[in-house]
């Protein structure tokens, strides 16, 4: 089946190829013979209610020095694509929201957009955990510095974080005796005007903040435990965390089993659950990562088992593309 796929992403020139999940998806699409286009968020527009973009056809390579070649920009209706992947990284700001509206217009013209644009708006990566609070550590979301302080005093050790960030930005670990407690809460809440999440500190973070990938409702067999660097609380790779592939546990499978029907109902086919110890802490739907690290581990296991492979080796991105291809065949 000849398929044209457009990928809305950060500029391809700026990615880190060896760990970029979007590049893994592009390599998988190209290996299938699909036509691949890159689309910058700023280059999308509406004209008389129709969705368009200035796009580039690309050829991609699994090469850290030379990972893409791009043709010239051409303007075209988004409806010329069979599939569009929304892989733009946060921050989840108004520009991100406007992009989801443009993608919704493309969807009305017959394009399959993943993850589903209205669900990207509805499913906040921090707040949506409230729908599954039985799996979460004690959590508070409020604009009130006083309530946050009470929470920290009650639990004695807590994490606070903004609702719209990524990569560990704006995260603090606080205790009642922290000399900067009041000013941190004032700044985090913008003087009691911005909603902030607080969660009881989970000491198992020392073993890693696990990213469990859920593709088309199914948990991948390995998670990436992002182990904090020495002296750090945050396990995020962007904050210096070290990624260690680990087999997922029965607890993580139970969390996936509870969450995945709601993800599928909302058209969220590629999702990353964050789990610390036995607790669900985030549900990442915008541009989940860690495919490259997990694929490398699984490919090494195959090679060690005497199953080496020449050329392109299918991985997690292929499971995702299989689901997308099956979906558009059924519509």
C-alpha atoms as a PDB file:
ATOM      1  CA  UNK A   1       0.000   0.000   0.000  1.00  0.00           C
ATOM      2  CA  UNK A   2       1.473   3.366  -1.042  1.00  0.00           C
ATOM      3  CA  UNK A   3       1.187   5.770   1.898  1.00  0.00           C
ATOM      4  CA  UNK A   4       2.182   9.398   2.308  1.00  0.00           C
ATOM      5  CA  UNK A   5       2.939  10.474   5.859  1.00  0.00           C
ATOM      6  CA  UNK A   6       3.478  13.977   7.197  1.00  0.00           C
ATOM      7  CA  UNK A   7       5.224  14.503  10.519  1.00  0.00           C
ATOM      8  CA  UNK A   8       4.716  17.700  12.508  1.00  0.00           C
ATOM      9  CA  UNK A   9       7.857  18.022  14.591  1.00  0.00           C
ATOM     10  CA  UNK A  10      10.554  20.329  15.860  1.00  0.00           C
ATOM     11  CA  UNK A  11      12.949  21.291  13.036  1.00  0.00           C
ATOM     12  CA  UNK A  12      14.654  18.099  11.891  1.00  0.00           C
ATOM     13  CA  UNK A  13      17.963  19.977  11.803  1.00  0.00           C
ATOM     14  CA  UNK A  14      17.803  20.402  15.597  1.00  0.00           C
ATOM     15  CA  UNK A  15      17.112  16.833  16.748  1.00  0.00           C
ATOM     16  CA  UNK A  16      19.589  14.491  18.454  1.00  0.00           C
ATOM     17  CA  UNK A  17      19.382  11.563  16.049  1.00  0.00           C
ATOM     18  CA  UNK A  18      20.687   8.732  18.203  1.00  0.00           C
ATOM     19  CA  UNK A  19      17.884   9.206  20.732  1.00  0.00           C
ATOM     20  CA  UNK A  20      15.090  10.790  18.693  1.00  0.00           C
ATOM     21  CA  UNK A  21      11.886   8.740  18.649  1.00  0.00           C
ATOM     22  CA  UNK A  22      10.399  10.745  15.773  1.00  0.00           C
ATOM     23  CA  UNK A  23      13.405   9.842  13.621  1.00  0.00           C
ATOM     24  CA  UNK A  24      12.781   6.179  14.491  1.00  0.00           C
ATOM     25  CA  UNK A  25       9.237   6.573  13.176  1.00  0.00           C
ATOM     26  CA  UNK A  26      10.509   8.209   9.986  1.00  0.00           C
ATOM     27  CA  UNK A  27      13.061   5.431   9.428  1.00  0.00           C
ATOM     28  CA  UNK A  28      10.318   2.834   9.910  1.00  0.00           C
ATOM     29  CA  UNK A  29       7.995   4.606   7.460  1.00  0.00           C
ATOM     30  CA  UNK A  30      10.759   4.939   4.873  1.00  0.00           C
ATOM     31  CA  UNK A  31      11.667   1.240   5.209  1.00  0.00           C
ATOM     32  CA  UNK A  32       8.069   0.448   4.207  1.00  0.00           C
ATOM     33  CA  UNK A  33       8.363   2.544   1.084  1.00  0.00           C
ATOM     34  CA  UNK A  34       6.161   5.330   2.424  1.00  0.00           C
ATOM     35  CA  UNK A  35       6.675   8.915   1.271  1.00  0.00           C
ATOM     36  CA  UNK A  36       7.790  11.017   4.255  1.00  0.00           C
ATOM     37  CA  UNK A  37       7.323  14.772   4.718  1.00  0.00           C
ATOM     38  CA  UNK A  38       8.517  17.002   7.566  1.00  0.00           C
ATOM     39  CA  UNK A  39       6.241  19.826   8.669  1.00  0.00           C
ATOM     40  CA  UNK A  40       7.224  22.653  11.011  1.00  0.00           C
ATOM     41  CA  UNK A  41       4.448  23.880  13.275  1.00  0.00           C
ATOM     42  CA  UNK A  42       4.951  27.480  12.104  1.00  0.00           C
ATOM     43  CA  UNK A  43       4.443  26.459   8.474  1.00  0.00           C
ATOM     44  CA  UNK A  44       0.879  25.203   8.907  1.00  0.00           C
ATOM     45  CA  UNK A  45      -2.072  27.387   7.968  1.00  0.00           C
ATOM     46  CA  UNK A  46      -5.774  27.539   7.127  1.00  0.00           C
ATOM     47  CA  UNK A  47      -7.082  29.000   3.860  1.00  0.00           C
ATOM     48  CA  UNK A  48     -10.851  29.222   3.428  1.00  0.00           C
ATOM     49  CA  UNK A  49     -11.240  26.575   6.097  1.00  0.00           C
ATOM     50  CA  UNK A  50      -8.840  24.087   4.489  1.00  0.00           C
ATOM     51  CA  UNK A  51      -5.633  22.952   6.163  1.00  0.00           C
ATOM     52  CA  UNK A  52      -2.324  23.521   4.362  1.00  0.00           C
ATOM     53  CA  UNK A  53       1.390  23.404   5.137  1.00  0.00           C
ATOM     54  CA  UNK A  54       4.677  24.310   3.612  1.00  0.00           C
ATOM     55  CA  UNK A  55       6.359  20.919   3.826  1.00  0.00           C
ATOM     56  CA  UNK A  56       9.575  19.160   2.844  1.00  0.00           C
ATOM     57  CA  UNK A  57       9.913  15.663   1.420  1.00  0.00           C
ATOM     58  CA  UNK A  58      12.775  13.985   3.264  1.00  0.00           C
ATOM     59  CA  UNK A  59      15.024  10.975   3.092  1.00  0.00           C
ATOM     60  CA  UNK A  60      16.329   9.845   6.478  1.00  0.00           C
ATOM     61  CA  UNK A  61      19.367   7.888   7.609  1.00  0.00           C
ATOM     62  CA  UNK A  62      20.362   6.121  10.821  1.00  0.00           C
ATOM     63  CA  UNK A  63      23.510   8.207  10.989  1.00  0.00           C
ATOM     64  CA  UNK A  64      24.413  10.611  13.788  1.00  0.00           C
ATOM     65  CA  UNK A  65      26.334  12.893  11.429  1.00  0.00           C
ATOM     66  CA  UNK A  66      24.034  12.832   8.390  1.00  0.00           C
ATOM     67  CA  UNK A  67      20.500  11.879   9.382  1.00  0.00           C
ATOM     68  CA  UNK A  68      18.412  13.517   6.669  1.00  0.00           C
ATOM     69  CA  UNK A  69      18.277  15.045   3.213  1.00  0.00           C
ATOM     70  CA  UNK A  70      15.403  17.389   2.410  1.00  0.00           C
ATOM     71  CA  UNK A  71      13.913  18.648  -0.797  1.00  0.00           C
ATOM     72  CA  UNK A  72      12.720  22.244  -1.191  1.00  0.00           C
ATOM     73  CA  UNK A  73       9.647  23.495   0.659  1.00  0.00           C
ATOM     74  CA  UNK A  74       6.383  23.106  -1.247  1.00  0.00           C
ATOM     75  CA  UNK A  75       2.910  24.293  -0.234  1.00  0.00           C
ATOM     76  CA  UNK A  76       0.238  21.610  -0.288  1.00  0.00           C
ATOM     77  CA  UNK A  77      -3.071  20.724   1.365  1.00  0.00           C
ATOM     78  CA  UNK A  78      -2.588  18.497   4.405  1.00  0.00           C
ATOM     79  CA  UNK A  79      -5.194  16.240   2.808  1.00  0.00           C
ATOM     80  CA  UNK A  80      -2.500  15.032   0.406  1.00  0.00           C
ATOM     81  CA  UNK A  81      -1.219  12.913   3.299  1.00  0.00           C
ATOM     82  CA  UNK A  82      -2.784   9.640   4.326  1.00  0.00           C
ATOM     83  CA  UNK A  83      -1.419   9.958   7.863  1.00  0.00           C
ATOM     84  CA  UNK A  84      -0.103  12.880   9.915  1.00  0.00           C
ATOM     85  CA  UNK A  85       1.820  12.352  13.138  1.00  0.00           C
ATOM     86  CA  UNK A  86       1.711  15.186  15.666  1.00  0.00           C
ATOM     87  CA  UNK A  87       5.162  14.943  17.246  1.00  0.00           C
ATOM     88  CA  UNK A  88       5.812  18.546  18.238  1.00  0.00           C
ATOM     89  CA  UNK A  89       7.451  18.727  21.657  1.00  0.00           C
ATOM     90  CA  UNK A  90       5.921  20.799  24.450  1.00  0.00           C
ATOM     91  CA  UNK A  91       5.631  23.420  25.866  1.00  0.00           C
ATOM     92  CA  UNK A  92       1.905  22.966  25.592  1.00  0.00           C
ATOM     93  CA  UNK A  93       1.202  26.597  24.769  1.00  0.00           C
ATOM     94  CA  UNK A  94      -1.369  28.418  22.652  1.00  0.00           C
ATOM     95  CA  UNK A  95       0.625  27.788  19.466  1.00  0.00           C
ATOM     96  CA  UNK A  96       0.418  24.057  20.212  1.00  0.00           C
ATOM     97  CA  UNK A  97      -3.348  24.351  20.711  1.00  0.00           C
ATOM     98  CA  UNK A  98      -3.794  26.298  17.451  1.00  0.00           C
ATOM     99  CA  UNK A  99      -1.886  23.540  15.654  1.00  0.00           C
ATOM    100  CA  UNK A 100      -4.315  20.929  16.967  1.00  0.00           C
ATOM    101  CA  UNK A 101      -7.210  22.925  15.476  1.00  0.00           C
ATOM    102  CA  UNK A 102      -5.502  22.989  12.077  1.00  0.00           C
ATOM    103  CA  UNK A 103      -4.920  19.242  12.339  1.00  0.00           C
ATOM    104  CA  UNK A 104      -8.585  18.730  13.207  1.00  0.00           C
ATOM    105  CA  UNK A 105      -9.509  20.471   9.977  1.00  0.00           C
ATOM    106  CA  UNK A 106      -7.160  18.103   8.135  1.00  0.00           C
ATOM    107  CA  UNK A 107      -8.881  15.169   9.823  1.00  0.00           C
ATOM    108  CA  UNK A 108     -12.266  16.336   8.514  1.00  0.00           C
ATOM    109  CA  UNK A 109     -10.729  16.159   5.031  1.00  0.00           C
ATOM    110  CA  UNK A 110      -9.889  12.478   5.445  1.00  0.00           C
ATOM    111  CA  UNK A 111      -6.386  12.482   6.942  1.00  0.00           C
ATOM    112  CA  UNK A 112      -5.739  10.139   9.880  1.00  0.00           C
ATOM    113  CA  UNK A 113      -4.043  12.253  12.564  1.00  0.00           C
ATOM    114  CA  UNK A 114      -2.233  10.625  15.486  1.00  0.00           C
ATOM    115  CA  UNK A 115      -2.377  11.261  18.303  1.00  0.00           C
ATOM    116  CA  UNK A 116      -5.935  12.598  17.873  1.00  0.00           C
ATOM    117  CA  UNK A 117      -5.822  16.427  18.013  1.00  0.00           C
ATOM    118  CA  UNK A 118      -8.746  17.043  20.365  1.00  0.00           C
ATOM    119  CA  UNK A 119      -7.373  14.409  22.750  1.00  0.00           C
ATOM    120  CA  UNK A 120      -4.016  16.188  22.790  1.00  0.00           C
ATOM    121  CA  UNK A 121      -5.921  19.210  24.076  1.00  0.00           C
ATOM    122  CA  UNK A 122      -8.068  17.282  26.559  1.00  0.00           C
ATOM    123  CA  UNK A 123      -5.473  14.960  28.072  1.00  0.00           C
ATOM    124  CA  UNK A 124      -3.064  17.073  30.065  1.00  0.00           C
ATOM    125  CA  UNK A 125      -0.027  14.933  30.762  1.00  0.00           C
ATOM    126  CA  UNK A 126      -0.041  15.695  34.484  1.00  0.00           C
ATOM    127  CA  UNK A 127      -3.732  16.276  35.206  1.00  0.00           C
ATOM    128  CA  UNK A 128      -5.092  13.209  33.399  1.00  0.00           C
ATOM    129  CA  UNK A 129      -3.590  11.032  36.135  1.00  0.00           C
ATOM    130  CA  UNK A 130      -6.512  12.256  38.293  1.00  0.00           C
ATOM    131  CA  UNK A 131      -8.758   9.877  36.339  1.00  0.00           C
ATOM    132  CA  UNK A 132      -6.616   7.017  37.703  1.00  0.00           C
ATOM    133  CA  UNK A 133      -5.889   8.351  41.194  1.00  0.00           C
ATOM    134  CA  UNK A 134      -5.953   4.865  42.731  1.00  0.00           C
ATOM    135  CA  UNK A 135      -2.584   4.261  41.050  1.00  0.00           C
ATOM    136  CA  UNK A 136      -1.039   7.642  41.930  1.00  0.00           C
ATOM    137  CA  UNK A 137       0.858   8.952  44.951  1.00  0.00           C
ATOM    138  CA  UNK A 138      -0.991  11.537  47.056  1.00  0.00           C
ATOM    139  CA  UNK A 139      -1.452  14.498  44.725  1.00  0.00           C
ATOM    140  CA  UNK A 140      -2.638  18.086  44.975  1.00  0.00           C
ATOM    141  CA  UNK A 141      -3.280  20.577  42.162  1.00  0.00           C
ATOM    142  CA  UNK A 142      -3.844  24.165  43.239  1.00  0.00           C
ATOM    143  CA  UNK A 143      -2.851  27.789  42.736  1.00  0.00           C
ATOM    144  CA  UNK A 144      -2.580  28.284  46.504  1.00  0.00           C
ATOM    145  CA  UNK A 145       0.883  28.517  48.024  1.00  0.00           C
ATOM    146  CA  UNK A 146      -0.700  27.984  51.441  1.00  0.00           C
ATOM    147  CA  UNK A 147      -2.339  24.686  50.376  1.00  0.00           C
ATOM    148  CA  UNK A 148       0.892  23.538  48.777  1.00  0.00           C
ATOM    149  CA  UNK A 149       2.781  24.327  51.963  1.00  0.00           C
ATOM    150  CA  UNK A 150       0.240  22.392  54.045  1.00  0.00           C
ATOM    151  CA  UNK A 151       0.645  19.430  51.678  1.00  0.00           C
ATOM    152  CA  UNK A 152       4.436  19.540  52.009  1.00  0.00           C
ATOM    153  CA  UNK A 153       4.232  19.805  55.811  1.00  0.00           C
ATOM    154  CA  UNK A 154       1.792  16.884  55.972  1.00  0.00           C
ATOM    155  CA  UNK A 155       3.873  14.577  53.736  1.00  0.00           C
ATOM    156  CA  UNK A 156       7.253  15.960  54.831  1.00  0.00           C
ATOM    157  CA  UNK A 157       8.751  15.444  51.361  1.00  0.00           C
ATOM    158  CA  UNK A 158       7.122  16.412  48.060  1.00  0.00           C
ATOM    159  CA  UNK A 159       7.698  17.183  44.412  1.00  0.00           C
ATOM    160  CA  UNK A 160       6.098  20.223  42.769  1.00  0.00           C
ATOM    161  CA  UNK A 161       5.913  20.724  39.012  1.00  0.00           C
ATOM    162  CA  UNK A 162       4.180  22.879  36.393  1.00  0.00           C
ATOM    163  CA  UNK A 163       1.364  21.393  34.310  1.00  0.00           C
ATOM    164  CA  UNK A 164       2.735  22.413  30.914  1.00  0.00           C
ATOM    165  CA  UNK A 165       6.442  21.523  30.888  1.00  0.00           C
ATOM    166  CA  UNK A 166       8.681  18.653  29.824  1.00  0.00           C
ATOM    167  CA  UNK A 167      12.160  17.315  30.428  1.00  0.00           C
ATOM    168  CA  UNK A 168      12.127  18.063  34.157  1.00  0.00           C
ATOM    169  CA  UNK A 169      11.796  21.840  33.739  1.00  0.00           C
ATOM    170  CA  UNK A 170      10.394  23.642  36.781  1.00  0.00           C
ATOM    171  CA  UNK A 171      10.444  20.593  39.074  1.00  0.00           C
ATOM    172  CA  UNK A 172      11.428  21.033  42.733  1.00  0.00           C
ATOM    173  CA  UNK A 173      11.759  18.617  45.636  1.00  0.00           C
ATOM    174  CA  UNK A 174      10.678  20.424  48.816  1.00  0.00           C
ATOM    175  CA  UNK A 175      10.583  19.684  52.538  1.00  0.00           C
ATOM    176  CA  UNK A 176       9.061  21.796  55.339  1.00  0.00           C
ATOM    177  CA  UNK A 177      12.523  22.942  56.475  1.00  0.00           C
ATOM    178  CA  UNK A 178      13.681  24.138  53.060  1.00  0.00           C
ATOM    179  CA  UNK A 179      14.830  27.759  53.642  1.00  0.00           C
ATOM    180  CA  UNK A 180      13.528  28.749  50.190  1.00  0.00           C
ATOM    181  CA  UNK A 181      10.154  27.044  50.533  1.00  0.00           C
ATOM    182  CA  UNK A 182       7.988  30.161  50.533  1.00  0.00           C
ATOM    183  CA  UNK A 183       9.710  31.917  47.645  1.00  0.00           C
ATOM    184  CA  UNK A 184       9.766  28.760  45.510  1.00  0.00           C
ATOM    185  CA  UNK A 185       6.023  28.312  46.006  1.00  0.00           C
ATOM    186  CA  UNK A 186       5.378  31.988  45.261  1.00  0.00           C
ATOM    187  CA  UNK A 187       7.366  31.805  42.047  1.00  0.00           C
ATOM    188  CA  UNK A 188       6.008  28.416  40.982  1.00  0.00           C
ATOM    189  CA  UNK A 189       2.413  29.596  41.372  1.00  0.00           C
ATOM    190  CA  UNK A 190       3.135  33.108  40.039  1.00  0.00           C
ATOM    191  CA  UNK A 191       1.897  34.498  43.351  1.00  0.00           C
ATOM    192  CA  UNK A 192      -1.101  32.195  43.637  1.00  0.00           C
ATOM    193  CA  UNK A 193      -2.285  32.631  40.043  1.00  0.00           C
ATOM    194  CA  UNK A 194      -1.024  29.456  38.288  1.00  0.00           C
ATOM    195  CA  UNK A 195      -2.083  25.851  38.902  1.00  0.00           C
ATOM    196  CA  UNK A 196       0.775  23.681  40.172  1.00  0.00           C
ATOM    197  CA  UNK A 197       0.901  19.952  40.913  1.00  0.00           C
ATOM    198  CA  UNK A 198       2.375  18.570  44.122  1.00  0.00           C
ATOM    199  CA  UNK A 199       2.979  14.850  44.666  1.00  0.00           C
ATOM    200  CA  UNK A 200       4.331  13.062  47.696  1.00  0.00           C
ATOM    201  CA  UNK A 201       7.976  12.218  47.066  1.00  0.00           C
ATOM    202  CA  UNK A 202       8.436   8.577  46.050  1.00  0.00           C
ATOM    203  CA  UNK A 203      11.865   7.370  47.245  1.00  0.00           C
ATOM    204  CA  UNK A 204      11.937   4.615  44.602  1.00  0.00           C
ATOM    205  CA  UNK A 205      12.972   7.355  42.170  1.00  0.00           C
ATOM    206  CA  UNK A 206      16.521   6.297  43.027  1.00  0.00           C
ATOM    207  CA  UNK A 207      15.826   3.157  40.958  1.00  0.00           C
ATOM    208  CA  UNK A 208      14.508   5.227  38.071  1.00  0.00           C
ATOM    209  CA  UNK A 209      11.484   7.072  36.744  1.00  0.00           C
ATOM    210  CA  UNK A 210      10.218   4.394  34.353  1.00  0.00           C
ATOM    211  CA  UNK A 211       8.822   5.272  30.930  1.00  0.00           C
ATOM    212  CA  UNK A 212       6.363   2.547  29.926  1.00  0.00           C
ATOM    213  CA  UNK A 213       5.421   2.850  26.262  1.00  0.00           C
ATOM    214  CA  UNK A 214       1.842   1.918  25.368  1.00  0.00           C
ATOM    215  CA  UNK A 215       1.346   1.403  21.618  1.00  0.00           C
ATOM    216  CA  UNK A 216      -2.166   0.777  20.317  1.00  0.00           C
ATOM    217  CA  UNK A 217      -3.233  -0.111  23.850  1.00  0.00           C
ATOM    218  CA  UNK A 218      -0.448  -2.626  24.455  1.00  0.00           C
ATOM    219  CA  UNK A 219       2.498  -2.260  26.836  1.00  0.00           C
ATOM    220  CA  UNK A 220       5.901  -2.733  25.265  1.00  0.00           C
ATOM    221  CA  UNK A 221       7.879  -5.504  27.005  1.00  0.00           C
ATOM    222  CA  UNK A 222      10.601  -3.189  28.304  1.00  0.00           C
ATOM    223  CA  UNK A 223      10.453   0.171  30.053  1.00  0.00           C
ATOM    224  CA  UNK A 224      13.250   2.720  30.245  1.00  0.00           C
ATOM    225  CA  UNK A 225      14.190   3.422  33.872  1.00  0.00           C
ATOM    226  CA  UNK A 226      15.584   6.949  33.875  1.00  0.00           C
ATOM    227  CA  UNK A 227      17.911   6.942  36.862  1.00  0.00           C
ATOM    228  CA  UNK A 228      18.749  10.359  38.346  1.00  0.00           C
ATOM    229  CA  UNK A 229      22.318  11.584  38.187  1.00  0.00           C
ATOM    230  CA  UNK A 230      24.256  11.907  41.433  1.00  0.00           C
ATOM    231  CA  UNK A 231      22.783  14.729  43.521  1.00  0.00           C
ATOM    232  CA  UNK A 232      19.662  14.998  41.316  1.00  0.00           C
ATOM    233  CA  UNK A 233      16.011  14.294  42.097  1.00  0.00           C
ATOM    234  CA  UNK A 234      14.822  14.269  38.475  1.00  0.00           C
ATOM    235  CA  UNK A 235      15.252  11.178  36.343  1.00  0.00           C
ATOM    236  CA  UNK A 236      14.515  12.955  33.046  1.00  0.00           C
ATOM    237  CA  UNK A 237      17.143  12.271  30.393  1.00  0.00           C
ATOM    238  CA  UNK A 238      17.136  15.987  29.591  1.00  0.00           C
ATOM    239  CA  UNK A 239      18.156  16.611  33.219  1.00  0.00           C
ATOM    240  CA  UNK A 240      21.097  14.203  33.070  1.00  0.00           C
ATOM    241  CA  UNK A 241      19.284  10.978  33.942  1.00  0.00           C
ATOM    242  CA  UNK A 242      20.716   7.662  32.769  1.00  0.00           C
ATOM    243  CA  UNK A 243      18.432   5.362  30.762  1.00  0.00           C
ATOM    244  CA  UNK A 244      18.392   1.696  31.778  1.00  0.00           C
ATOM    245  CA  UNK A 245      16.065  -0.723  29.913  1.00  0.00           C
ATOM    246  CA  UNK A 246      14.188  -3.034  32.288  1.00  0.00           C
ATOM    247  CA  UNK A 247      11.446  -5.609  31.812  1.00  0.00           C
ATOM    248  CA  UNK A 248       8.076  -4.201  32.814  1.00  0.00           C
ATOM    249  CA  UNK A 249       6.558  -5.506  36.032  1.00  0.00           C
ATOM    250  CA  UNK A 250       3.169  -6.973  36.885  1.00  0.00           C
ATOM    251  CA  UNK A 251       2.307  -3.704  38.648  1.00  0.00           C
ATOM    252  CA  UNK A 252       3.054  -1.719  35.498  1.00  0.00           C
ATOM    253  CA  UNK A 253       0.977  -4.133  33.431  1.00  0.00           C
ATOM    254  CA  UNK A 254      -1.970  -3.602  35.787  1.00  0.00           C
ATOM    255  CA  UNK A 255      -1.659   0.156  35.370  1.00  0.00           C
ATOM    256  CA  UNK A 256      -1.525  -0.212  31.570  1.00  0.00           C
ATOM    257  CA  UNK A 257      -4.542  -2.536  31.606  1.00  0.00           C
ATOM    258  CA  UNK A 258      -6.518   0.089  33.542  1.00  0.00           C
ATOM    259  CA  UNK A 259      -5.466   3.088  31.454  1.00  0.00           C
ATOM    260  CA  UNK A 260      -5.236   1.708  27.915  1.00  0.00           C
ATOM    261  CA  UNK A 261      -8.995   1.370  27.145  1.00  0.00           C
ATOM    262  CA  UNK A 262      -9.406   5.095  27.804  1.00  0.00           C
ATOM    263  CA  UNK A 263      -6.399   5.891  25.630  1.00  0.00           C
ATOM    264  CA  UNK A 264      -7.792   3.871  22.725  1.00  0.00           C
ATOM    265  CA  UNK A 265     -11.210   5.473  23.126  1.00  0.00           C
ATOM    266  CA  UNK A 266      -9.545   8.874  22.728  1.00  0.00           C
ATOM    267  CA  UNK A 267      -7.446   7.882  19.698  1.00  0.00           C
ATOM    268  CA  UNK A 268      -4.177   7.997  21.662  1.00  0.00           C
ATOM    269  CA  UNK A 269      -2.175   5.231  20.024  1.00  0.00           C
ATOM    270  CA  UNK A 270       1.324   6.201  21.151  1.00  0.00           C
ATOM    271  CA  UNK A 271       1.592   7.061  24.854  1.00  0.00           C
ATOM    272  CA  UNK A 272       4.259   7.025  27.530  1.00  0.00           C
ATOM    273  CA  UNK A 273       3.249   6.294  31.121  1.00  0.00           C
ATOM    274  CA  UNK A 274       5.665   7.451  33.804  1.00  0.00           C
ATOM    275  CA  UNK A 275       5.857   5.108  36.792  1.00  0.00           C
ATOM    276  CA  UNK A 276       7.947   5.550  39.943  1.00  0.00           C
ATOM    277  CA  UNK A 277       7.948   2.526  42.227  1.00  0.00           C
ATOM    278  CA  UNK A 278       4.334   1.335  42.069  1.00  0.00           C
ATOM    279  CA  UNK A 279       2.890   4.787  41.302  1.00  0.00           C
ATOM    280  CA  UNK A 280       1.658   6.353  38.072  1.00  0.00           C
ATOM    281  CA  UNK A 281       2.911   9.949  37.914  1.00  0.00           C
ATOM    282  CA  UNK A 282       2.293  11.152  34.332  1.00  0.00           C
ATOM    283  CA  UNK A 283       0.517  10.142  31.104  1.00  0.00           C
ATOM    284  CA  UNK A 284       2.542  11.526  28.197  1.00  0.00           C
ATOM    285  CA  UNK A 285       0.606  11.937  24.939  1.00  0.00           C
ATOM    286  CA  UNK A 286       2.279  14.773  23.012  1.00  0.00           C
ATOM    287  CA  UNK A 287       5.585  13.317  21.820  1.00  0.00           C
ATOM    288  CA  UNK A 288       6.627  10.382  24.023  1.00  0.00           C
ATOM    289  CA  UNK A 289      10.242   9.288  23.668  1.00  0.00           C
ATOM    290  CA  UNK A 290      12.585   6.389  24.576  1.00  0.00           C
ATOM    291  CA  UNK A 291      12.003   4.227  21.467  1.00  0.00           C
ATOM    292  CA  UNK A 292      15.624   4.431  20.324  1.00  0.00           C
ATOM    293  CA  UNK A 293      16.994   3.310  23.690  1.00  0.00           C
ATOM    294  CA  UNK A 294      14.529   0.427  24.028  1.00  0.00           C
ATOM    295  CA  UNK A 295      14.988  -0.717  20.424  1.00  0.00           C
ATOM    296  CA  UNK A 296      18.776  -0.743  20.859  1.00  0.00           C
ATOM    297  CA  UNK A 297      18.393  -2.966  23.923  1.00  0.00           C
ATOM    298  CA  UNK A 298      16.017  -5.399  22.209  1.00  0.00           C
ATOM    299  CA  UNK A 299      18.187  -5.558  19.077  1.00  0.00           C
ATOM    300  CA  UNK A 300      21.225  -6.332  21.239  1.00  0.00           C
ATOM    301  CA  UNK A 301      19.304  -9.110  22.976  1.00  0.00           C
ATOM    302  CA  UNK A 302      18.454 -10.617  19.583  1.00  0.00           C
ATOM    303  CA  UNK A 303      22.063 -10.381  18.435  1.00  0.00           C
ATOM    304  CA  UNK A 304      23.312 -11.952  21.681  1.00  0.00           C
ATOM    305  CA  UNK A 305      20.829 -14.774  21.116  1.00  0.00           C
ATOM    306  CA  UNK A 306      22.427 -15.447  17.730  1.00  0.00           C
ATOM    307  CA  UNK A 307      19.879 -13.572  15.607  1.00  0.00           C
ATOM    308  CA  UNK A 308      21.910 -10.772  14.008  1.00  0.00           C
ATOM    309  CA  UNK A 309      20.245  -8.594  11.399  1.00  0.00           C
ATOM    310  CA  UNK A 310      21.627  -6.721   8.424  1.00  0.00           C
ATOM    311  CA  UNK A 311      20.126  -3.375   7.433  1.00  0.00           C
ATOM    312  CA  UNK A 312      16.944  -1.962   8.942  1.00  0.00           C
ATOM    313  CA  UNK A 313      15.625  -3.876  11.965  1.00  0.00           C
ATOM    314  CA  UNK A 314      11.940  -3.429  12.877  1.00  0.00           C
ATOM    315  CA  UNK A 315      11.198  -2.068  16.340  1.00  0.00           C
ATOM    316  CA  UNK A 316       8.598  -0.256  18.428  1.00  0.00           C
ATOM    317  CA  UNK A 317       7.953   2.376  15.749  1.00  0.00           C
ATOM    318  CA  UNK A 318       6.897  -0.434  13.396  1.00  0.00           C
ATOM    319  CA  UNK A 319       4.262  -1.623  15.877  1.00  0.00           C
ATOM    320  CA  UNK A 320       2.881   1.919  15.857  1.00  0.00           C
ATOM    321  CA  UNK A 321       2.909   2.152  12.067  1.00  0.00           C
ATOM    322  CA  UNK A 322       1.235  -1.262  11.812  1.00  0.00           C
ATOM    323  CA  UNK A 323      -1.635   0.102  13.918  1.00  0.00           C
ATOM    324  CA  UNK A 324      -1.888   3.259  11.822  1.00  0.00           C
ATOM    325  CA  UNK A 325      -1.863   1.321   8.562  1.00  0.00           C
ATOM    326  CA  UNK A 326      -4.547  -1.082   9.797  1.00  0.00           C
ATOM    327  CA  UNK A 327      -6.690   1.859  10.917  1.00  0.00           C
ATOM    328  CA  UNK A 328      -6.637   3.668   7.572  1.00  0.00           C
ATOM    329  CA  UNK A 329      -7.348   0.412   5.734  1.00  0.00           C
ATOM    330  CA  UNK A 330     -10.475   0.002   7.860  1.00  0.00           C
ATOM    331  CA  UNK A 331     -11.759   3.540   7.197  1.00  0.00           C
END
